[in-house]
């Protein structure tokens, strides 16, 4: 990689720091500005960070893909464990659900959306 002038180096780092993906690179950028690490080393660090972030995103995507089935299984198990005899009829289930909805409305008076992640 060709040597950059200090002004070019500063502009390149400034662009990286303004990019939200690279905000964690501040410490490396400061070292680079102080000529403690080279531009190529800094770019290598950023590429490694991007690979790590992609790996984390893949894990999150796999987790979210499995989440609905896990929730169904857990909800079914909890429903069986907690459900008294009086709620086994359709009318009893409807009353129980209406009670949950009323409790949720009391906890959320401004009707804000509930978080979808666990």
PDB file of N, CA and C in Angstrom:
ATOM      1  N   UNK A   1       0.844  -1.170   0.000  1.00  0.00           N
ATOM      2  CA  UNK A   1       0.000   0.000   0.000  1.00  0.00           C
ATOM      3  C   UNK A   1       0.894   1.239   0.000  1.00  0.00           C
ATOM      4  N   UNK A   2       0.578   2.204  -0.849  1.00  0.00           N
ATOM      5  CA  UNK A   2       1.420   3.400  -0.905  1.00  0.00           C
ATOM      6  C   UNK A   2       1.332   4.194   0.397  1.00  0.00           C
ATOM      7  N   UNK A   3       2.387   4.897   0.678  1.00  0.00           N
ATOM      8  CA  UNK A   3       2.405   5.727   1.880  1.00  0.00           C
ATOM      9  C   UNK A   3       1.460   6.905   1.681  1.00  0.00           C
ATOM     10  N   UNK A   4       0.698   7.182   2.687  1.00  0.00           N
ATOM     11  CA  UNK A   4      -0.241   8.288   2.632  1.00  0.00           C
ATOM     12  C   UNK A   4       0.365   9.503   3.316  1.00  0.00           C
ATOM     13  N   UNK A   5      -0.031  10.650   2.835  1.00  0.00           N
ATOM     14  CA  UNK A   5       0.391  11.865   3.520  1.00  0.00           C
ATOM     15  C   UNK A   5      -0.386  11.954   4.832  1.00  0.00           C
ATOM     16  N   UNK A   6       0.103  12.711   5.789  1.00  0.00           N
ATOM     17  CA  UNK A   6      -0.649  12.832   7.055  1.00  0.00           C
ATOM     18  C   UNK A   6      -2.076  13.328   6.843  1.00  0.00           C
ATOM     19  N   UNK A   7      -2.279  14.234   5.887  1.00  0.00           N
ATOM     20  CA  UNK A   7      -3.634  14.741   5.625  1.00  0.00           C
ATOM     21  C   UNK A   7      -4.534  13.634   5.066  1.00  0.00           C
ATOM     22  N   UNK A   8      -4.003  12.837   4.130  1.00  0.00           N
ATOM     23  CA  UNK A   8      -4.781  11.723   3.572  1.00  0.00           C
ATOM     24  C   UNK A   8      -5.106  10.690   4.656  1.00  0.00           C
ATOM     25  N   UNK A   9      -4.117  10.405   5.501  1.00  0.00           N
ATOM     26  CA  UNK A   9      -4.307   9.457   6.587  1.00  0.00           C
ATOM     27  C   UNK A   9      -5.411   9.961   7.529  1.00  0.00           C
ATOM     28  N   UNK A  10      -5.341  11.238   7.860  1.00  0.00           N
ATOM     29  CA  UNK A  10      -6.340  11.820   8.753  1.00  0.00           C
ATOM     30  C   UNK A  10      -7.738  11.738   8.140  1.00  0.00           C
ATOM     31  N   UNK A  11      -7.864  12.060   6.844  1.00  0.00           N
ATOM     32  CA  UNK A  11      -9.175  12.018   6.185  1.00  0.00           C
ATOM     33  C   UNK A  11      -9.730  10.593   6.144  1.00  0.00           C
ATOM     34  N   UNK A  12      -8.841   9.619   5.882  1.00  0.00           N
ATOM     35  CA  UNK A  12      -9.280   8.232   5.824  1.00  0.00           C
ATOM     36  C   UNK A  12      -9.786   7.788   7.205  1.00  0.00           C
ATOM     37  N   UNK A  13      -9.051   8.104   8.245  1.00  0.00           N
ATOM     38  CA  UNK A  13      -9.451   7.710   9.594  1.00  0.00           C
ATOM     39  C   UNK A  13     -10.722   8.437  10.003  1.00  0.00           C
ATOM     40  N   UNK A  14     -10.813   9.697   9.642  1.00  0.00           N
ATOM     41  CA  UNK A  14     -12.018  10.475   9.974  1.00  0.00           C
ATOM     42  C   UNK A  14     -13.246   9.817   9.338  1.00  0.00           C
ATOM     43  N   UNK A  15     -13.106   9.362   8.096  1.00  0.00           N
ATOM     44  CA  UNK A  15     -14.208   8.661   7.424  1.00  0.00           C
ATOM     45  C   UNK A  15     -14.586   7.382   8.143  1.00  0.00           C
ATOM     46  N   UNK A  16     -13.577   6.625   8.593  1.00  0.00           N
ATOM     47  CA  UNK A  16     -13.859   5.388   9.325  1.00  0.00           C
ATOM     48  C   UNK A  16     -14.577   5.686  10.629  1.00  0.00           C
ATOM     49  N   UNK A  17     -14.128   6.712  11.334  1.00  0.00           N
ATOM     50  CA  UNK A  17     -14.724   7.019  12.635  1.00  0.00           C
ATOM     51  C   UNK A  17     -16.154   7.526  12.496  1.00  0.00           C
ATOM     52  N   UNK A  18     -16.473   8.147  11.375  1.00  0.00           N
ATOM     53  CA  UNK A  18     -17.834   8.633  11.175  1.00  0.00           C
ATOM     54  C   UNK A  18     -18.765   7.514  10.727  1.00  0.00           C
ATOM     55  N   UNK A  19     -18.198   6.403  10.274  1.00  0.00           N
ATOM     56  CA  UNK A  19     -18.990   5.257   9.855  1.00  0.00           C
ATOM     57  C   UNK A  19     -19.400   4.472  11.107  1.00  0.00           C
ATOM     58  N   UNK A  20     -20.715   4.284  11.362  1.00  0.00           N
ATOM     59  CA  UNK A  20     -21.152   3.607  12.592  1.00  0.00           C
ATOM     60  C   UNK A  20     -20.597   2.197  12.744  1.00  0.00           C
ATOM     61  N   UNK A  21     -20.301   1.531  11.624  1.00  0.00           N
ATOM     62  CA  UNK A  21     -19.764   0.173  11.714  1.00  0.00           C
ATOM     63  C   UNK A  21     -18.384   0.150  12.354  1.00  0.00           C
ATOM     64  N   UNK A  22     -17.653   1.255  12.263  1.00  0.00           N
ATOM     65  CA  UNK A  22     -16.264   1.246  12.710  1.00  0.00           C
ATOM     66  C   UNK A  22     -16.026   2.089  13.958  1.00  0.00           C
ATOM     67  N   UNK A  23     -17.065   2.404  14.692  1.00  0.00           N
ATOM     68  CA  UNK A  23     -16.882   3.230  15.888  1.00  0.00           C
ATOM     69  C   UNK A  23     -15.997   2.550  16.926  1.00  0.00           C
ATOM     70  N   UNK A  24     -15.981   1.234  16.966  1.00  0.00           N
ATOM     71  CA  UNK A  24     -15.155   0.529  17.942  1.00  0.00           C
ATOM     72  C   UNK A  24     -13.679   0.601  17.587  1.00  0.00           C
ATOM     73  N   UNK A  25     -13.364   1.141  16.449  1.00  0.00           N
ATOM     74  CA  UNK A  25     -11.980   1.221  16.004  1.00  0.00           C
ATOM     75  C   UNK A  25     -11.288   2.492  16.487  1.00  0.00           C
ATOM     76  N   UNK A  26     -11.917   3.256  17.363  1.00  0.00           N
ATOM     77  CA  UNK A  26     -11.335   4.519  17.816  1.00  0.00           C
ATOM     78  C   UNK A  26      -9.928   4.366  18.369  1.00  0.00           C
ATOM     79  N   UNK A  27      -9.724   3.381  19.232  1.00  0.00           N
ATOM     80  CA  UNK A  27      -8.409   3.220  19.859  1.00  0.00           C
ATOM     81  C   UNK A  27      -7.343   2.939  18.798  1.00  0.00           C
ATOM     82  N   UNK A  28      -7.666   2.086  17.830  1.00  0.00           N
ATOM     83  CA  UNK A  28      -6.712   1.788  16.768  1.00  0.00           C
ATOM     84  C   UNK A  28      -6.439   3.029  15.920  1.00  0.00           C
ATOM     85  N   UNK A  29      -7.496   3.806  15.674  1.00  0.00           N
ATOM     86  CA  UNK A  29      -7.329   5.014  14.865  1.00  0.00           C
ATOM     87  C   UNK A  29      -6.415   6.009  15.566  1.00  0.00           C
ATOM     88  N   UNK A  30      -6.578   6.135  16.866  1.00  0.00           N
ATOM     89  CA  UNK A  30      -5.711   7.061  17.612  1.00  0.00           C
ATOM     90  C   UNK A  30      -4.265   6.592  17.554  1.00  0.00           C
ATOM     91  N   UNK A  31      -4.042   5.275  17.718  1.00  0.00           N
ATOM     92  CA  UNK A  31      -2.682   4.741  17.604  1.00  0.00           C
ATOM     93  C   UNK A  31      -2.122   4.987  16.208  1.00  0.00           C
ATOM     94  N   UNK A  32      -2.998   4.852  15.196  1.00  0.00           N
ATOM     95  CA  UNK A  32      -2.542   5.054  13.831  1.00  0.00           C
ATOM     96  C   UNK A  32      -2.164   6.510  13.608  1.00  0.00           C
ATOM     97  N   UNK A  33      -2.971   7.411  14.141  1.00  0.00           N
ATOM     98  CA  UNK A  33      -2.642   8.829  14.007  1.00  0.00           C
ATOM     99  C   UNK A  33      -1.300   9.144  14.677  1.00  0.00           C
ATOM    100  N   UNK A  34      -0.998   8.448  15.729  1.00  0.00           N
ATOM    101  CA  UNK A  34       0.264   8.648  16.433  1.00  0.00           C
ATOM    102  C   UNK A  34       1.383   7.794  15.840  1.00  0.00           C
ATOM    103  N   UNK A  35       1.110   7.171  14.682  1.00  0.00           N
ATOM    104  CA  UNK A  35       2.088   6.339  13.964  1.00  0.00           C
ATOM    105  C   UNK A  35       2.568   5.154  14.783  1.00  0.00           C
ATOM    106  N   UNK A  36       1.713   4.634  15.657  1.00  0.00           N
ATOM    107  CA  UNK A  36       2.083   3.443  16.411  1.00  0.00           C
ATOM    108  C   UNK A  36       1.740   2.171  15.645  1.00  0.00           C
ATOM    109  N   UNK A  37       0.736   2.229  14.759  1.00  0.00           N
ATOM    110  CA  UNK A  37       0.445   1.096  13.883  1.00  0.00           C
ATOM    111  C   UNK A  37       0.290   1.620  12.463  1.00  0.00           C
ATOM    112  N   UNK A  38       0.513   0.744  11.497  1.00  0.00           N
ATOM    113  CA  UNK A  38       0.459   1.157  10.095  1.00  0.00           C
ATOM    114  C   UNK A  38      -0.972   1.134   9.569  1.00  0.00           C
ATOM    115  N   UNK A  39      -1.147   1.776   8.424  1.00  0.00           N
ATOM    116  CA  UNK A  39      -2.466   1.814   7.782  1.00  0.00           C
ATOM    117  C   UNK A  39      -2.900   0.402   7.412  1.00  0.00           C
ATOM    118  N   UNK A  40      -1.988  -0.397   6.872  1.00  0.00           N
ATOM    119  CA  UNK A  40      -2.362  -1.756   6.462  1.00  0.00           C
ATOM    120  C   UNK A  40      -2.755  -2.599   7.669  1.00  0.00           C
ATOM    121  N   UNK A  41      -2.060  -2.425   8.795  1.00  0.00           N
ATOM    122  CA  UNK A  41      -2.425  -3.161  10.018  1.00  0.00           C
ATOM    123  C   UNK A  41      -3.820  -2.732  10.489  1.00  0.00           C
ATOM    124  N   UNK A  42      -4.093  -1.449  10.412  1.00  0.00           N
ATOM    125  CA  UNK A  42      -5.396  -0.929  10.822  1.00  0.00           C
ATOM    126  C   UNK A  42      -6.500  -1.515   9.938  1.00  0.00           C
ATOM    127  N   UNK A  43      -6.258  -1.574   8.628  1.00  0.00           N
ATOM    128  CA  UNK A  43      -7.254  -2.142   7.716  1.00  0.00           C
ATOM    129  C   UNK A  43      -7.458  -3.632   7.998  1.00  0.00           C
ATOM    130  N   UNK A  44      -6.382  -4.334   8.333  1.00  0.00           N
ATOM    131  CA  UNK A  44      -6.486  -5.746   8.681  1.00  0.00           C
ATOM    132  C   UNK A  44      -7.344  -5.918   9.938  1.00  0.00           C
ATOM    133  N   UNK A  45      -7.144  -5.068  10.928  1.00  0.00           N
ATOM    134  CA  UNK A  45      -7.939  -5.116  12.158  1.00  0.00           C
ATOM    135  C   UNK A  45      -9.418  -4.886  11.833  1.00  0.00           C
ATOM    136  N   UNK A  46      -9.699  -3.921  10.968  1.00  0.00           N
ATOM    137  CA  UNK A  46     -11.090  -3.644  10.600  1.00  0.00           C
ATOM    138  C   UNK A  46     -11.720  -4.819   9.860  1.00  0.00           C
ATOM    139  N   UNK A  47     -10.949  -5.463   8.968  1.00  0.00           N
ATOM    140  CA  UNK A  47     -11.483  -6.629   8.253  1.00  0.00           C
ATOM    141  C   UNK A  47     -11.792  -7.764   9.235  1.00  0.00           C
ATOM    142  N   UNK A  48     -10.904  -7.987  10.194  1.00  0.00           N
ATOM    143  CA  UNK A  48     -11.144  -9.025  11.195  1.00  0.00           C
ATOM    144  C   UNK A  48     -12.387  -8.700  12.030  1.00  0.00           C
ATOM    145  N   UNK A  49     -12.539  -7.433  12.379  1.00  0.00           N
ATOM    146  CA  UNK A  49     -13.721  -7.016  13.149  1.00  0.00           C
ATOM    147  C   UNK A  49     -14.992  -7.242  12.338  1.00  0.00           C
ATOM    148  N   UNK A  50     -14.945  -6.953  11.034  1.00  0.00           N
ATOM    149  CA  UNK A  50     -16.114  -7.177  10.180  1.00  0.00           C
ATOM    150  C   UNK A  50     -16.466  -8.662  10.099  1.00  0.00           C
ATOM    151  N   UNK A  51     -15.435  -9.532   9.983  1.00  0.00           N
ATOM    152  CA  UNK A  51     -15.687 -10.975   9.941  1.00  0.00           C
ATOM    153  C   UNK A  51     -16.320 -11.443  11.238  1.00  0.00           C
ATOM    154  N   UNK A  52     -15.810 -10.936  12.351  1.00  0.00           N
ATOM    155  CA  UNK A  52     -16.362 -11.300  13.656  1.00  0.00           C
ATOM    156  C   UNK A  52     -17.821 -10.853  13.756  1.00  0.00           C
ATOM    157  N   UNK A  53     -18.104  -9.635  13.299  1.00  0.00           N
ATOM    158  CA  UNK A  53     -19.480  -9.117  13.342  1.00  0.00           C
ATOM    159  C   UNK A  53     -20.403  -9.957  12.463  1.00  0.00           C
ATOM    160  N   UNK A  54     -19.915 -10.384  11.294  1.00  0.00           N
ATOM    161  CA  UNK A  54     -20.730 -11.229  10.421  1.00  0.00           C
ATOM    162  C   UNK A  54     -21.030 -12.566  11.098  1.00  0.00           C
ATOM    163  N   UNK A  55     -20.037 -13.124  11.788  1.00  0.00           N
ATOM    164  CA  UNK A  55     -20.248 -14.377  12.515  1.00  0.00           C
ATOM    165  C   UNK A  55     -21.286 -14.225  13.606  1.00  0.00           C
ATOM    166  N   UNK A  56     -21.205 -13.118  14.339  1.00  0.00           N
ATOM    167  CA  UNK A  56     -22.201 -12.859  15.389  1.00  0.00           C
ATOM    168  C   UNK A  56     -23.592 -12.706  14.786  1.00  0.00           C
ATOM    169  N   UNK A  57     -23.684 -12.006  13.649  1.00  0.00           N
ATOM    170  CA  UNK A  57     -24.986 -11.816  13.002  1.00  0.00           C
ATOM    171  C   UNK A  57     -25.563 -13.158  12.559  1.00  0.00           C
ATOM    172  N   UNK A  58     -24.703 -14.050  12.055  1.00  0.00           N
ATOM    173  CA  UNK A  58     -25.172 -15.377  11.649  1.00  0.00           C
ATOM    174  C   UNK A  58     -25.714 -16.151  12.853  1.00  0.00           C
ATOM    175  N   UNK A  59     -25.034 -16.042  14.004  1.00  0.00           N
ATOM    176  CA  UNK A  59     -25.522 -16.711  15.215  1.00  0.00           C
ATOM    177  C   UNK A  59     -26.885 -16.150  15.635  1.00  0.00           C
ATOM    178  N   UNK A  60     -27.018 -14.842  15.569  1.00  0.00           N
ATOM    179  CA  UNK A  60     -28.290 -14.205  15.940  1.00  0.00           C
ATOM    180  C   UNK A  60     -29.392 -14.664  14.991  1.00  0.00           C
ATOM    181  N   UNK A  61     -29.090 -14.721  13.690  1.00  0.00           N
ATOM    182  CA  UNK A  61     -30.096 -15.153  12.709  1.00  0.00           C
ATOM    183  C   UNK A  61     -30.533 -16.590  12.977  1.00  0.00           C
ATOM    184  N   UNK A  62     -29.573 -17.471  13.295  1.00  0.00           N
ATOM    185  CA  UNK A  62     -29.931 -18.865  13.600  1.00  0.00           C
ATOM    186  C   UNK A  62     -30.799 -18.915  14.855  1.00  0.00           C
ATOM    187  N   UNK A  63     -30.441 -18.119  15.849  1.00  0.00           N
ATOM    188  CA  UNK A  63     -31.208 -18.096  17.100  1.00  0.00           C
ATOM    189  C   UNK A  63     -32.637 -17.632  16.840  1.00  0.00           C
ATOM    190  N   UNK A  64     -32.799 -16.575  16.052  1.00  0.00           N
ATOM    191  CA  UNK A  64     -34.140 -16.053  15.787  1.00  0.00           C
ATOM    192  C   UNK A  64     -34.959 -17.009  14.933  1.00  0.00           C
ATOM    193  N   UNK A  65     -34.286 -17.778  14.077  1.00  0.00           N
ATOM    194  CA  UNK A  65     -35.004 -18.753  13.259  1.00  0.00           C
ATOM    195  C   UNK A  65     -35.598 -19.858  14.142  1.00  0.00           C
ATOM    196  N   UNK A  66     -34.852 -20.268  15.174  1.00  0.00           N
ATOM    197  CA  UNK A  66     -35.309 -21.327  16.070  1.00  0.00           C
ATOM    198  C   UNK A  66     -36.237 -20.812  17.162  1.00  0.00           C
ATOM    199  N   UNK A  67     -36.260 -19.533  17.377  1.00  0.00           N
ATOM    200  CA  UNK A  67     -37.000 -18.967  18.505  1.00  0.00           C
ATOM    201  C   UNK A  67     -38.494 -19.290  18.507  1.00  0.00           C
ATOM    202  N   UNK A  68     -39.232 -19.181  17.375  1.00  0.00           N
ATOM    203  CA  UNK A  68     -40.671 -19.481  17.432  1.00  0.00           C
ATOM    204  C   UNK A  68     -40.976 -20.903  17.903  1.00  0.00           C
ATOM    205  N   UNK A  69     -40.202 -21.902  17.415  1.00  0.00           N
ATOM    206  CA  UNK A  69     -40.449 -23.284  17.843  1.00  0.00           C
ATOM    207  C   UNK A  69     -40.139 -23.457  19.322  1.00  0.00           C
ATOM    208  N   UNK A  70     -39.046 -22.804  19.776  1.00  0.00           N
ATOM    209  CA  UNK A  70     -38.707 -22.894  21.195  1.00  0.00           C
ATOM    210  C   UNK A  70     -39.804 -22.264  22.052  1.00  0.00           C
ATOM    211  N   UNK A  71     -40.309 -21.119  21.611  1.00  0.00           N
ATOM    212  CA  UNK A  71     -41.367 -20.453  22.373  1.00  0.00           C
ATOM    213  C   UNK A  71     -42.622 -21.315  22.450  1.00  0.00           C
ATOM    214  N   UNK A  72     -42.976 -21.943  21.317  1.00  0.00           N
ATOM    215  CA  UNK A  72     -44.165 -22.800  21.316  1.00  0.00           C
ATOM    216  C   UNK A  72     -43.996 -23.952  22.301  1.00  0.00           C
ATOM    217  N   UNK A  73     -42.818 -24.570  22.270  1.00  0.00           N
ATOM    218  CA  UNK A  73     -42.572 -25.703  23.156  1.00  0.00           C
ATOM    219  C   UNK A  73     -42.615 -25.268  24.620  1.00  0.00           C
ATOM    220  N   UNK A  74     -41.954 -24.155  24.922  1.00  0.00           N
ATOM    221  CA  UNK A  74     -41.931 -23.664  26.304  1.00  0.00           C
ATOM    222  C   UNK A  74     -43.318 -23.215  26.730  1.00  0.00           C
ATOM    223  N   UNK A  75     -44.016 -22.470  25.876  1.00  0.00           N
ATOM    224  CA  UNK A  75     -45.355 -22.003  26.222  1.00  0.00           C
ATOM    225  C   UNK A  75     -46.299 -23.176  26.469  1.00  0.00           C
ATOM    226  N   UNK A  76     -46.214 -24.179  25.629  1.00  0.00           N
ATOM    227  CA  UNK A  76     -47.073 -25.356  25.804  1.00  0.00           C
ATOM    228  C   UNK A  76     -46.800 -26.043  27.128  1.00  0.00           C
ATOM    229  N   UNK A  77     -45.538 -26.170  27.472  1.00  0.00           N
ATOM    230  CA  UNK A  77     -45.159 -26.808  28.724  1.00  0.00           C
ATOM    231  C   UNK A  77     -45.633 -25.973  29.913  1.00  0.00           C
ATOM    232  N   UNK A  78     -45.412 -24.657  29.860  1.00  0.00           N
ATOM    233  CA  UNK A  78     -45.840 -23.791  30.954  1.00  0.00           C
ATOM    234  C   UNK A  78     -47.360 -23.787  31.074  1.00  0.00           C
ATOM    235  N   UNK A  79     -48.026 -23.790  29.925  1.00  0.00           N
ATOM    236  CA  UNK A  79     -49.494 -23.775  29.929  1.00  0.00           C
ATOM    237  C   UNK A  79     -50.006 -25.036  30.645  1.00  0.00           C
ATOM    238  N   UNK A  80     -49.411 -26.178  30.338  1.00  0.00           N
ATOM    239  CA  UNK A  80     -49.831 -27.434  30.968  1.00  0.00           C
ATOM    240  C   UNK A  80     -49.553 -27.424  32.470  1.00  0.00           C
ATOM    241  N   UNK A  81     -48.413 -26.849  32.868  1.00  0.00           N
ATOM    242  CA  UNK A  81     -48.044 -26.853  34.279  1.00  0.00           C
ATOM    243  C   UNK A  81     -48.897 -25.890  35.101  1.00  0.00           C
ATOM    244  N   UNK A  82     -49.217 -24.754  34.548  1.00  0.00           N
ATOM    245  CA  UNK A  82     -49.882 -23.700  35.321  1.00  0.00           C
ATOM    246  C   UNK A  82     -51.405 -23.702  35.206  1.00  0.00           C
ATOM    247  N   UNK A  83     -51.946 -24.449  34.288  1.00  0.00           N
ATOM    248  CA  UNK A  83     -53.372 -24.345  33.991  1.00  0.00           C
ATOM    249  C   UNK A  83     -54.206 -25.121  34.998  1.00  0.00           C
ATOM    250  N   UNK A  84     -54.931 -24.436  35.859  1.00  0.00           N
ATOM    251  CA  UNK A  84     -55.838 -25.151  36.774  1.00  0.00           C
ATOM    252  C   UNK A  84     -56.995 -25.773  35.982  1.00  0.00           C
ATOM    253  N   UNK A  85     -57.688 -26.675  36.613  1.00  0.00           N
ATOM    254  CA  UNK A  85     -58.795 -27.374  35.962  1.00  0.00           C
ATOM    255  C   UNK A  85     -59.855 -26.413  35.426  1.00  0.00           C
ATOM    256  N   UNK A  86     -60.097 -25.322  36.127  1.00  0.00           N
ATOM    257  CA  UNK A  86     -61.161 -24.396  35.727  1.00  0.00           C
ATOM    258  C   UNK A  86     -60.888 -23.720  34.391  1.00  0.00           C
ATOM    259  N   UNK A  87     -59.618 -23.706  33.940  1.00  0.00           N
ATOM    260  CA  UNK A  87     -59.287 -23.027  32.687  1.00  0.00           C
ATOM    261  C   UNK A  87     -59.206 -23.990  31.498  1.00  0.00           C
ATOM    262  N   UNK A  88     -59.534 -25.256  31.702  1.00  0.00           N
ATOM    263  CA  UNK A  88     -59.405 -26.208  30.606  1.00  0.00           C
ATOM    264  C   UNK A  88     -60.479 -26.049  29.546  1.00  0.00           C
ATOM    265  N   UNK A  89     -61.604 -25.455  29.884  1.00  0.00           N
ATOM    266  CA  UNK A  89     -62.648 -25.235  28.873  1.00  0.00           C
ATOM    267  C   UNK A  89     -62.273 -24.027  28.010  1.00  0.00           C
ATOM    268  N   UNK A  90     -62.910 -23.937  26.828  1.00  0.00           N
ATOM    269  CA  UNK A  90     -62.643 -22.796  25.942  1.00  0.00           C
ATOM    270  C   UNK A  90     -63.009 -21.484  26.609  1.00  0.00           C
ATOM    271  N   UNK A  91     -64.120 -21.491  27.355  1.00  0.00           N
ATOM    272  CA  UNK A  91     -64.552 -20.267  28.040  1.00  0.00           C
ATOM    273  C   UNK A  91     -63.526 -19.860  29.108  1.00  0.00           C
ATOM    274  N   UNK A  92     -63.002 -20.846  29.799  1.00  0.00           N
ATOM    275  CA  UNK A  92     -61.985 -20.557  30.821  1.00  0.00           C
ATOM    276  C   UNK A  92     -60.704 -20.021  30.204  1.00  0.00           C
ATOM    277  N   UNK A  93     -60.299 -20.601  29.055  1.00  0.00           N
ATOM    278  CA  UNK A  93     -59.098 -20.116  28.364  1.00  0.00           C
ATOM    279  C   UNK A  93     -59.296 -18.681  27.895  1.00  0.00           C
ATOM    280  N   UNK A  94     -60.493 -18.387  27.349  1.00  0.00           N
ATOM    281  CA  UNK A  94     -60.780 -17.045  26.870  1.00  0.00           C
ATOM    282  C   UNK A  94     -60.689 -16.043  28.030  1.00  0.00           C
ATOM    283  N   UNK A  95     -61.230 -16.401  29.177  1.00  0.00           N
ATOM    284  CA  UNK A  95     -61.172 -15.535  30.349  1.00  0.00           C
ATOM    285  C   UNK A  95     -59.736 -15.316  30.816  1.00  0.00           C
ATOM    286  N   UNK A  96     -58.955 -16.375  30.782  1.00  0.00           N
ATOM    287  CA  UNK A  96     -57.554 -16.266  31.182  1.00  0.00           C
ATOM    288  C   UNK A  96     -56.789 -15.341  30.240  1.00  0.00           C
ATOM    289  N   UNK A  97     -57.020 -15.508  28.943  1.00  0.00           N
ATOM    290  CA  UNK A  97     -56.338 -14.664  27.946  1.00  0.00           C
ATOM    291  C   UNK A  97     -56.774 -13.209  28.087  1.00  0.00           C
ATOM    292  N   UNK A  98     -58.077 -12.991  28.291  1.00  0.00           N
ATOM    293  CA  UNK A  98     -58.556 -11.616  28.490  1.00  0.00           C
ATOM    294  C   UNK A  98     -57.917 -10.988  29.722  1.00  0.00           C
ATOM    295  N   UNK A  99     -57.706 -11.795  30.746  1.00  0.00           N
ATOM    296  CA  UNK A  99     -57.036 -11.304  31.946  1.00  0.00           C
ATOM    297  C   UNK A  99     -55.602 -10.895  31.660  1.00  0.00           C
ATOM    298  N   UNK A 100     -54.894 -11.719  30.860  1.00  0.00           N
ATOM    299  CA  UNK A 100     -53.518 -11.373  30.487  1.00  0.00           C
ATOM    300  C   UNK A 100     -53.475 -10.082  29.683  1.00  0.00           C
ATOM    301  N   UNK A 101     -54.421  -9.935  28.753  1.00  0.00           N
ATOM    302  CA  UNK A 101     -54.474  -8.734  27.925  1.00  0.00           C
ATOM    303  C   UNK A 101     -54.745  -7.509  28.787  1.00  0.00           C
ATOM    304  N   UNK A 102     -55.649  -7.642  29.748  1.00  0.00           N
ATOM    305  CA  UNK A 102     -55.960  -6.512  30.635  1.00  0.00           C
ATOM    306  C   UNK A 102     -54.744  -6.140  31.478  1.00  0.00           C
ATOM    307  N   UNK A 103     -54.015  -7.137  31.965  1.00  0.00           N
ATOM    308  CA  UNK A 103     -52.803  -6.858  32.740  1.00  0.00           C
ATOM    309  C   UNK A 103     -51.756  -6.160  31.873  1.00  0.00           C
ATOM    310  N   UNK A 104     -51.614  -6.628  30.642  1.00  0.00           N
ATOM    311  CA  UNK A 104     -50.643  -6.009  29.734  1.00  0.00           C
ATOM    312  C   UNK A 104     -51.027  -4.569  29.439  1.00  0.00           C
ATOM    313  N   UNK A 105     -52.327  -4.307  29.279  1.00  0.00           N
ATOM    314  CA  UNK A 105     -52.790  -2.934  29.011  1.00  0.00           C
ATOM    315  C   UNK A 105     -52.497  -2.027  30.206  1.00  0.00           C
ATOM    316  N   UNK A 106     -52.623  -2.558  31.407  1.00  0.00           N
ATOM    317  CA  UNK A 106     -52.321  -1.751  32.590  1.00  0.00           C
ATOM    318  C   UNK A 106     -50.832  -1.427  32.676  1.00  0.00           C
ATOM    319  N   UNK A 107     -50.012  -2.378  32.273  1.00  0.00           N
ATOM    320  CA  UNK A 107     -48.560  -2.158  32.309  1.00  0.00           C
ATOM    321  C   UNK A 107     -48.089  -1.268  31.173  1.00  0.00           C
ATOM    322  N   UNK A 108     -48.890  -1.128  30.137  1.00  0.00           N
ATOM    323  CA  UNK A 108     -48.488  -0.387  28.945  1.00  0.00           C
ATOM    324  C   UNK A 108     -49.587   0.616  28.581  1.00  0.00           C
ATOM    325  N   UNK A 109     -49.796   1.645  29.414  1.00  0.00           N
ATOM    326  CA  UNK A 109     -50.919   2.554  29.167  1.00  0.00           C
ATOM    327  C   UNK A 109     -50.777   3.393  27.897  1.00  0.00           C
ATOM    328  N   UNK A 110     -49.568   3.616  27.427  1.00  0.00           N
ATOM    329  CA  UNK A 110     -49.368   4.440  26.230  1.00  0.00           C
ATOM    330  C   UNK A 110     -49.415   3.628  24.946  1.00  0.00           C
ATOM    331  N   UNK A 111     -49.717   2.341  25.068  1.00  0.00           N
ATOM    332  CA  UNK A 111     -49.822   1.442  23.923  1.00  0.00           C
ATOM    333  C   UNK A 111     -48.537   1.418  23.098  1.00  0.00           C
ATOM    334  N   UNK A 112     -47.392   1.367  23.786  1.00  0.00           N
ATOM    335  CA  UNK A 112     -46.104   1.274  23.091  1.00  0.00           C
ATOM    336  C   UNK A 112     -45.917  -0.171  22.649  1.00  0.00           C
ATOM    337  N   UNK A 113     -45.182  -0.380  21.547  1.00  0.00           N
ATOM    338  CA  UNK A 113     -44.979  -1.764  21.098  1.00  0.00           C
ATOM    339  C   UNK A 113     -44.117  -2.525  22.102  1.00  0.00           C
ATOM    340  N   UNK A 114     -44.460  -3.792  22.301  1.00  0.00           N
ATOM    341  CA  UNK A 114     -43.678  -4.622  23.196  1.00  0.00           C
ATOM    342  C   UNK A 114     -42.429  -5.097  22.473  1.00  0.00           C
ATOM    343  N   UNK A 115     -41.317  -5.299  23.183  1.00  0.00           N
ATOM    344  CA  UNK A 115     -40.106  -5.817  22.525  1.00  0.00           C
ATOM    345  C   UNK A 115     -40.360  -7.236  22.036  1.00  0.00           C
ATOM    346  N   UNK A 116     -39.825  -7.549  20.873  1.00  0.00           N
ATOM    347  CA  UNK A 116     -40.056  -8.873  20.306  1.00  0.00           C
ATOM    348  C   UNK A 116     -38.947  -9.839  20.649  1.00  0.00           C
ATOM    349  N   UNK A 117     -37.801  -9.336  21.114  1.00  0.00           N
ATOM    350  CA  UNK A 117     -36.697 -10.238  21.443  1.00  0.00           C
ATOM    351  C   UNK A 117     -36.751 -10.582  22.915  1.00  0.00           C
ATOM    352  N   UNK A 118     -36.107 -11.684  23.243  1.00  0.00           N
ATOM    353  CA  UNK A 118     -36.101 -12.122  24.650  1.00  0.00           C
ATOM    354  C   UNK A 118     -34.972 -11.447  25.390  1.00  0.00           C
TER     355      UNK A 118
END
